Amino acid sequence: MKQHEPKIVGPGFHQRVYDAVRMVPHGQVSTYGQIATYLGSPRVARHVGWALASLTETDRDVPWHRVINSRGFISGRGQSVRAELQKNLLEVEGVLLSDQGRIDLSRFLWTMPRPA
């Protein structure tokens, strides 16, 4: 019998995403998949992105810009203004993008701790 992952997307999910993203240190990045895995399911990386996309001006303490895709790119998805802002915020922290727009994950990727 195939075991299913526990359902982790539900009430409180966005807050759990924000709490996890707050752990990513200045000058480093994490991926949507890492955050999802930390929360209990690598299959909900897209939901992590949706949670971060729903942040408002009052959520300035969540460093959403430190979360990128697993290939080292900013995932703008047609939101060029937000993607440019993310690039600028990362560069201010010393996270550099190549000419192709890629972040060197061997240098800047932060490893999430194992959940307690």
N, C-alpha and C. Protein backbone atom coordinates (compact mmCIF):
# COMPACT_ATOMS: atom_id res chain seq x y z
N MET A 1 0.84 -1.18 0.00
CA MET A 1 0.00 0.00 0.00
C MET A 1 0.88 1.24 0.00
N LYS A 2 0.58 2.16 -0.87
CA LYS A 2 1.37 3.39 -1.01
C LYS A 2 1.01 4.37 0.10
N GLN A 3 2.05 4.90 0.76
CA GLN A 3 1.82 5.90 1.80
C GLN A 3 1.78 7.29 1.18
N HIS A 4 0.90 8.12 1.70
CA HIS A 4 0.79 9.48 1.22
C HIS A 4 1.43 10.43 2.21
N GLU A 5 1.96 11.52 1.67
CA GLU A 5 2.50 12.55 2.55
C GLU A 5 1.34 13.21 3.28
N PRO A 6 1.58 13.66 4.49
CA PRO A 6 0.51 14.35 5.20
C PRO A 6 0.16 15.65 4.49
N LYS A 7 -1.09 16.03 4.55
CA LYS A 7 -1.53 17.28 3.93
C LYS A 7 -0.97 18.44 4.75
N ILE A 8 -0.16 19.26 4.12
CA ILE A 8 0.44 20.37 4.87
C ILE A 8 -0.07 21.72 4.41
N VAL A 9 -0.75 21.76 3.25
CA VAL A 9 -1.30 23.02 2.77
C VAL A 9 -2.71 23.14 3.31
N GLY A 10 -2.90 24.07 4.19
CA GLY A 10 -4.19 24.29 4.82
C GLY A 10 -4.09 25.51 5.70
N PRO A 11 -4.98 25.61 6.66
CA PRO A 11 -4.94 26.77 7.56
C PRO A 11 -3.56 26.91 8.22
N GLY A 12 -3.03 28.10 8.18
CA GLY A 12 -1.74 28.38 8.80
C GLY A 12 -0.54 28.12 7.91
N PHE A 13 -0.78 27.59 6.70
CA PHE A 13 0.35 27.26 5.82
C PHE A 13 1.17 28.49 5.46
N HIS A 14 0.52 29.58 5.08
CA HIS A 14 1.27 30.79 4.70
C HIS A 14 2.15 31.26 5.85
N GLN A 15 1.62 31.25 7.05
CA GLN A 15 2.41 31.70 8.21
C GLN A 15 3.62 30.79 8.43
N ARG A 16 3.44 29.49 8.21
CA ARG A 16 4.56 28.56 8.35
C ARG A 16 5.62 28.83 7.28
N VAL A 17 5.18 29.17 6.08
CA VAL A 17 6.13 29.53 5.02
C VAL A 17 6.90 30.77 5.44
N TYR A 18 6.20 31.78 5.91
CA TYR A 18 6.85 33.03 6.30
C TYR A 18 7.85 32.80 7.43
N ASP A 19 7.49 31.98 8.40
CA ASP A 19 8.40 31.68 9.50
C ASP A 19 9.66 30.98 8.99
N ALA A 20 9.51 30.07 8.05
CA ALA A 20 10.66 29.36 7.49
C ALA A 20 11.55 30.32 6.69
N VAL A 21 10.93 31.19 5.90
CA VAL A 21 11.70 32.13 5.08
C VAL A 21 12.47 33.12 5.95
N ARG A 22 11.90 33.47 7.08
CA ARG A 22 12.61 34.39 8.00
C ARG A 22 13.91 33.78 8.51
N MET A 23 14.07 32.49 8.43
CA MET A 23 15.29 31.82 8.89
C MET A 23 16.45 31.97 7.91
N VAL A 24 16.17 32.27 6.65
CA VAL A 24 17.22 32.37 5.63
C VAL A 24 18.07 33.60 5.93
N PRO A 25 19.36 33.40 6.15
CA PRO A 25 20.23 34.52 6.53
C PRO A 25 20.46 35.54 5.42
N HIS A 26 20.74 36.75 5.83
CA HIS A 26 21.15 37.84 4.95
C HIS A 26 22.32 37.34 4.09
N GLY A 27 22.26 37.60 2.80
CA GLY A 27 23.35 37.23 1.91
C GLY A 27 23.32 35.79 1.43
N GLN A 28 22.24 35.08 1.72
CA GLN A 28 22.11 33.71 1.25
C GLN A 28 20.70 33.51 0.69
N VAL A 29 20.51 32.40 0.00
CA VAL A 29 19.21 32.09 -0.59
C VAL A 29 18.79 30.68 -0.23
N SER A 30 17.52 30.43 -0.40
CA SER A 30 16.94 29.09 -0.29
C SER A 30 16.08 28.90 -1.53
N THR A 31 15.58 27.70 -1.73
CA THR A 31 14.71 27.45 -2.87
C THR A 31 13.29 27.16 -2.39
N TYR A 32 12.36 27.30 -3.32
CA TYR A 32 10.97 26.98 -3.00
C TYR A 32 10.87 25.54 -2.51
N GLY A 33 11.59 24.65 -3.18
CA GLY A 33 11.57 23.24 -2.81
C GLY A 33 12.15 22.97 -1.44
N GLN A 34 13.22 23.67 -1.09
CA GLN A 34 13.80 23.50 0.24
C GLN A 34 12.81 23.92 1.33
N ILE A 35 12.15 25.04 1.10
CA ILE A 35 11.17 25.52 2.08
C ILE A 35 10.04 24.49 2.20
N ALA A 36 9.56 24.01 1.05
CA ALA A 36 8.48 23.01 1.06
C ALA A 36 8.90 21.75 1.79
N THR A 37 10.11 21.29 1.53
CA THR A 37 10.61 20.08 2.20
C THR A 37 10.72 20.31 3.70
N TYR A 38 11.23 21.45 4.08
CA TYR A 38 11.34 21.80 5.50
C TYR A 38 9.96 21.76 6.17
N LEU A 39 8.94 22.21 5.44
CA LEU A 39 7.59 22.24 5.99
C LEU A 39 6.90 20.87 5.98
N GLY A 40 7.50 19.90 5.29
CA GLY A 40 6.95 18.56 5.34
C GLY A 40 6.61 17.91 4.02
N SER A 41 6.74 18.62 2.90
CA SER A 41 6.42 18.01 1.61
C SER A 41 7.12 18.72 0.47
N PRO A 42 8.05 18.03 -0.20
CA PRO A 42 8.72 18.66 -1.34
C PRO A 42 7.77 18.92 -2.50
N ARG A 43 6.59 18.35 -2.45
CA ARG A 43 5.64 18.49 -3.56
C ARG A 43 4.86 19.81 -3.55
N VAL A 44 5.05 20.62 -2.54
CA VAL A 44 4.27 21.86 -2.45
C VAL A 44 5.11 23.11 -2.70
N ALA A 45 6.19 22.97 -3.45
CA ALA A 45 7.05 24.12 -3.75
C ALA A 45 6.26 25.24 -4.41
N ARG A 46 5.36 24.89 -5.29
CA ARG A 46 4.55 25.91 -5.97
C ARG A 46 3.68 26.67 -4.97
N HIS A 47 3.18 25.98 -3.96
CA HIS A 47 2.38 26.63 -2.93
C HIS A 47 3.22 27.61 -2.11
N VAL A 48 4.49 27.26 -1.92
CA VAL A 48 5.40 28.19 -1.23
C VAL A 48 5.49 29.48 -2.05
N GLY A 49 5.65 29.35 -3.35
CA GLY A 49 5.70 30.53 -4.21
C GLY A 49 4.43 31.35 -4.14
N TRP A 50 3.28 30.69 -4.12
CA TRP A 50 2.01 31.41 -4.02
C TRP A 50 1.90 32.13 -2.69
N ALA A 51 2.37 31.48 -1.62
CA ALA A 51 2.33 32.13 -0.31
C ALA A 51 3.18 33.40 -0.32
N LEU A 52 4.36 33.32 -0.91
CA LEU A 52 5.23 34.50 -0.96
C LEU A 52 4.67 35.57 -1.88
N ALA A 53 4.01 35.16 -2.95
CA ALA A 53 3.41 36.14 -3.86
C ALA A 53 2.26 36.89 -3.21
N SER A 54 1.68 36.31 -2.16
CA SER A 54 0.53 36.97 -1.51
C SER A 54 0.95 37.93 -0.41
N LEU A 55 2.25 38.08 -0.19
CA LEU A 55 2.70 39.03 0.83
C LEU A 55 2.26 40.45 0.48
N THR A 56 2.03 41.23 1.51
CA THR A 56 1.61 42.62 1.33
C THR A 56 2.68 43.55 1.89
N GLU A 57 2.46 44.82 1.77
CA GLU A 57 3.39 45.83 2.29
C GLU A 57 3.58 45.70 3.80
N THR A 58 2.61 45.18 4.50
CA THR A 58 2.73 45.05 5.96
C THR A 58 3.60 43.87 6.36
N ASP A 59 4.00 43.03 5.39
CA ASP A 59 4.80 41.84 5.68
C ASP A 59 6.28 42.06 5.37
N ARG A 60 6.77 43.24 5.64
CA ARG A 60 8.15 43.59 5.27
C ARG A 60 9.21 42.78 6.00
N ASP A 61 8.83 42.11 7.09
CA ASP A 61 9.82 41.34 7.85
C ASP A 61 10.07 39.96 7.25
N VAL A 62 9.38 39.62 6.16
CA VAL A 62 9.59 38.34 5.49
C VAL A 62 10.51 38.57 4.30
N PRO A 63 11.73 38.04 4.33
CA PRO A 63 12.68 38.28 3.24
C PRO A 63 12.41 37.38 2.03
N TRP A 64 11.26 37.58 1.40
CA TRP A 64 10.80 36.78 0.27
C TRP A 64 11.82 36.73 -0.86
N HIS A 65 12.61 37.79 -0.97
CA HIS A 65 13.56 37.89 -2.08
C HIS A 65 14.67 36.85 -1.99
N ARG A 66 14.83 36.20 -0.85
CA ARG A 66 15.88 35.20 -0.67
C ARG A 66 15.45 33.81 -1.13
N VAL A 67 14.28 33.68 -1.71
CA VAL A 67 13.80 32.38 -2.18
C VAL A 67 13.76 32.40 -3.70
N ILE A 68 14.46 31.42 -4.29
CA ILE A 68 14.60 31.35 -5.74
C ILE A 68 14.26 29.92 -6.19
N ASN A 69 14.31 29.69 -7.49
CA ASN A 69 14.02 28.34 -7.95
C ASN A 69 15.25 27.44 -7.82
N SER A 70 15.04 26.15 -8.00
CA SER A 70 16.09 25.16 -7.75
C SER A 70 17.24 25.22 -8.75
N ARG A 71 17.08 25.95 -9.83
CA ARG A 71 18.16 26.09 -10.81
C ARG A 71 18.99 27.34 -10.58
N GLY A 72 18.60 28.13 -9.56
CA GLY A 72 19.37 29.32 -9.24
C GLY A 72 18.85 30.59 -9.88
N PHE A 73 17.66 30.55 -10.42
CA PHE A 73 17.09 31.71 -11.08
C PHE A 73 15.95 32.33 -10.27
N ILE A 74 15.74 33.60 -10.48
CA ILE A 74 14.57 34.29 -9.93
C ILE A 74 13.38 33.85 -10.77
N SER A 75 12.29 33.53 -10.10
CA SER A 75 11.08 33.09 -10.81
C SER A 75 10.10 34.24 -10.92
N GLY A 76 10.27 35.06 -11.93
CA GLY A 76 9.43 36.23 -12.10
C GLY A 76 8.05 35.94 -12.65
N ARG A 77 7.94 34.94 -13.53
CA ARG A 77 6.66 34.56 -14.12
C ARG A 77 5.86 35.75 -14.63
N GLY A 78 6.49 36.57 -15.45
CA GLY A 78 5.78 37.69 -16.04
C GLY A 78 5.68 38.92 -15.16
N GLN A 79 6.21 38.85 -13.97
CA GLN A 79 6.18 39.99 -13.06
C GLN A 79 7.56 40.64 -13.07
N SER A 80 7.86 41.35 -14.15
CA SER A 80 9.21 41.87 -14.33
C SER A 80 9.58 42.90 -13.27
N VAL A 81 8.63 43.67 -12.77
CA VAL A 81 8.93 44.66 -11.74
C VAL A 81 9.34 43.95 -10.45
N ARG A 82 8.60 42.93 -10.06
CA ARG A 82 8.94 42.18 -8.84
C ARG A 82 10.26 41.43 -9.01
N ALA A 83 10.50 40.86 -10.17
CA ALA A 83 11.75 40.15 -10.43
C ALA A 83 12.94 41.11 -10.35
N GLU A 84 12.79 42.29 -10.89
CA GLU A 84 13.87 43.29 -10.83
C GLU A 84 14.10 43.74 -9.39
N LEU A 85 13.03 43.91 -8.63
CA LEU A 85 13.16 44.26 -7.23
C LEU A 85 13.89 43.15 -6.48
N GLN A 86 13.54 41.91 -6.74
CA GLN A 86 14.19 40.78 -6.08
C GLN A 86 15.68 40.77 -6.41
N LYS A 87 16.01 40.96 -7.66
CA LYS A 87 17.42 41.01 -8.08
C LYS A 87 18.16 42.11 -7.33
N ASN A 88 17.56 43.29 -7.27
CA ASN A 88 18.20 44.42 -6.58
C ASN A 88 18.38 44.15 -5.10
N LEU A 89 17.37 43.59 -4.45
CA LEU A 89 17.47 43.28 -3.02
C LEU A 89 18.56 42.24 -2.75
N LEU A 90 18.67 41.25 -3.62
CA LEU A 90 19.72 40.24 -3.45
C LEU A 90 21.10 40.86 -3.66
N GLU A 91 21.25 41.70 -4.65
CA GLU A 91 22.55 42.32 -4.91
C GLU A 91 22.97 43.22 -3.76
N VAL A 92 22.02 43.91 -3.13
CA VAL A 92 22.33 44.74 -1.96
C VAL A 92 22.91 43.86 -0.85
N GLU A 93 22.44 42.62 -0.76
CA GLU A 93 22.93 41.70 0.27
C GLU A 93 24.21 40.98 -0.16
N GLY A 94 24.70 41.27 -1.35
CA GLY A 94 25.93 40.65 -1.82
C GLY A 94 25.73 39.37 -2.59
N VAL A 95 24.48 39.01 -2.88
CA VAL A 95 24.18 37.83 -3.69
C VAL A 95 24.20 38.26 -5.14
N LEU A 96 25.18 37.76 -5.87
CA LEU A 96 25.39 38.20 -7.24
C LEU A 96 24.77 37.24 -8.24
N LEU A 97 24.26 37.79 -9.32
CA LEU A 97 23.71 37.00 -10.41
C LEU A 97 24.68 37.04 -11.58
N SER A 98 24.79 35.93 -12.28
CA SER A 98 25.65 35.88 -13.46
C SER A 98 25.02 36.71 -14.57
N ASP A 99 25.75 36.85 -15.67
CA ASP A 99 25.21 37.57 -16.83
C ASP A 99 23.94 36.90 -17.36
N GLN A 100 23.80 35.61 -17.08
CA GLN A 100 22.61 34.86 -17.51
C GLN A 100 21.49 34.95 -16.48
N GLY A 101 21.73 35.67 -15.37
CA GLY A 101 20.71 35.83 -14.34
C GLY A 101 20.65 34.70 -13.33
N ARG A 102 21.71 33.94 -13.23
CA ARG A 102 21.73 32.78 -12.34
C ARG A 102 22.56 33.08 -11.09
N ILE A 103 22.10 32.55 -9.97
CA ILE A 103 22.81 32.67 -8.70
C ILE A 103 23.63 31.39 -8.49
N ASP A 104 24.87 31.55 -8.10
CA ASP A 104 25.74 30.41 -7.84
C ASP A 104 25.30 29.73 -6.55
N LEU A 105 24.58 28.61 -6.69
CA LEU A 105 24.06 27.92 -5.52
C LEU A 105 25.16 27.31 -4.66
N SER A 106 26.29 26.97 -5.27
CA SER A 106 27.38 26.42 -4.46
C SER A 106 27.96 27.47 -3.52
N ARG A 107 27.72 28.71 -3.83
CA ARG A 107 28.25 29.82 -3.01
C ARG A 107 27.19 30.44 -2.08
N PHE A 108 25.96 30.57 -2.57
CA PHE A 108 24.96 31.35 -1.83
C PHE A 108 23.80 30.53 -1.24
N LEU A 109 23.72 29.25 -1.58
CA LEU A 109 22.59 28.45 -1.08
C LEU A 109 22.76 28.12 0.40
N TRP A 110 21.74 28.42 1.17
CA TRP A 110 21.72 28.11 2.59
C TRP A 110 20.98 26.80 2.78
N THR A 111 21.50 25.95 3.61
CA THR A 111 20.85 24.67 3.89
C THR A 111 19.92 24.83 5.07
N MET A 112 18.65 24.52 4.84
CA MET A 112 17.66 24.59 5.91
C MET A 112 18.02 23.57 6.99
N PRO A 113 17.83 23.91 8.25
CA PRO A 113 18.05 22.93 9.31
C PRO A 113 16.97 21.87 9.26
N ARG A 114 17.21 20.75 9.86
CA ARG A 114 16.17 19.72 9.94
C ARG A 114 15.10 20.17 10.93
N PRO A 115 13.85 19.99 10.55
CA PRO A 115 12.78 20.39 11.48
C PRO A 115 12.86 19.61 12.78
N ALA A 116 12.47 20.26 13.85
CA ALA A 116 12.51 19.60 15.16
C ALA A 116 11.45 18.53 15.26
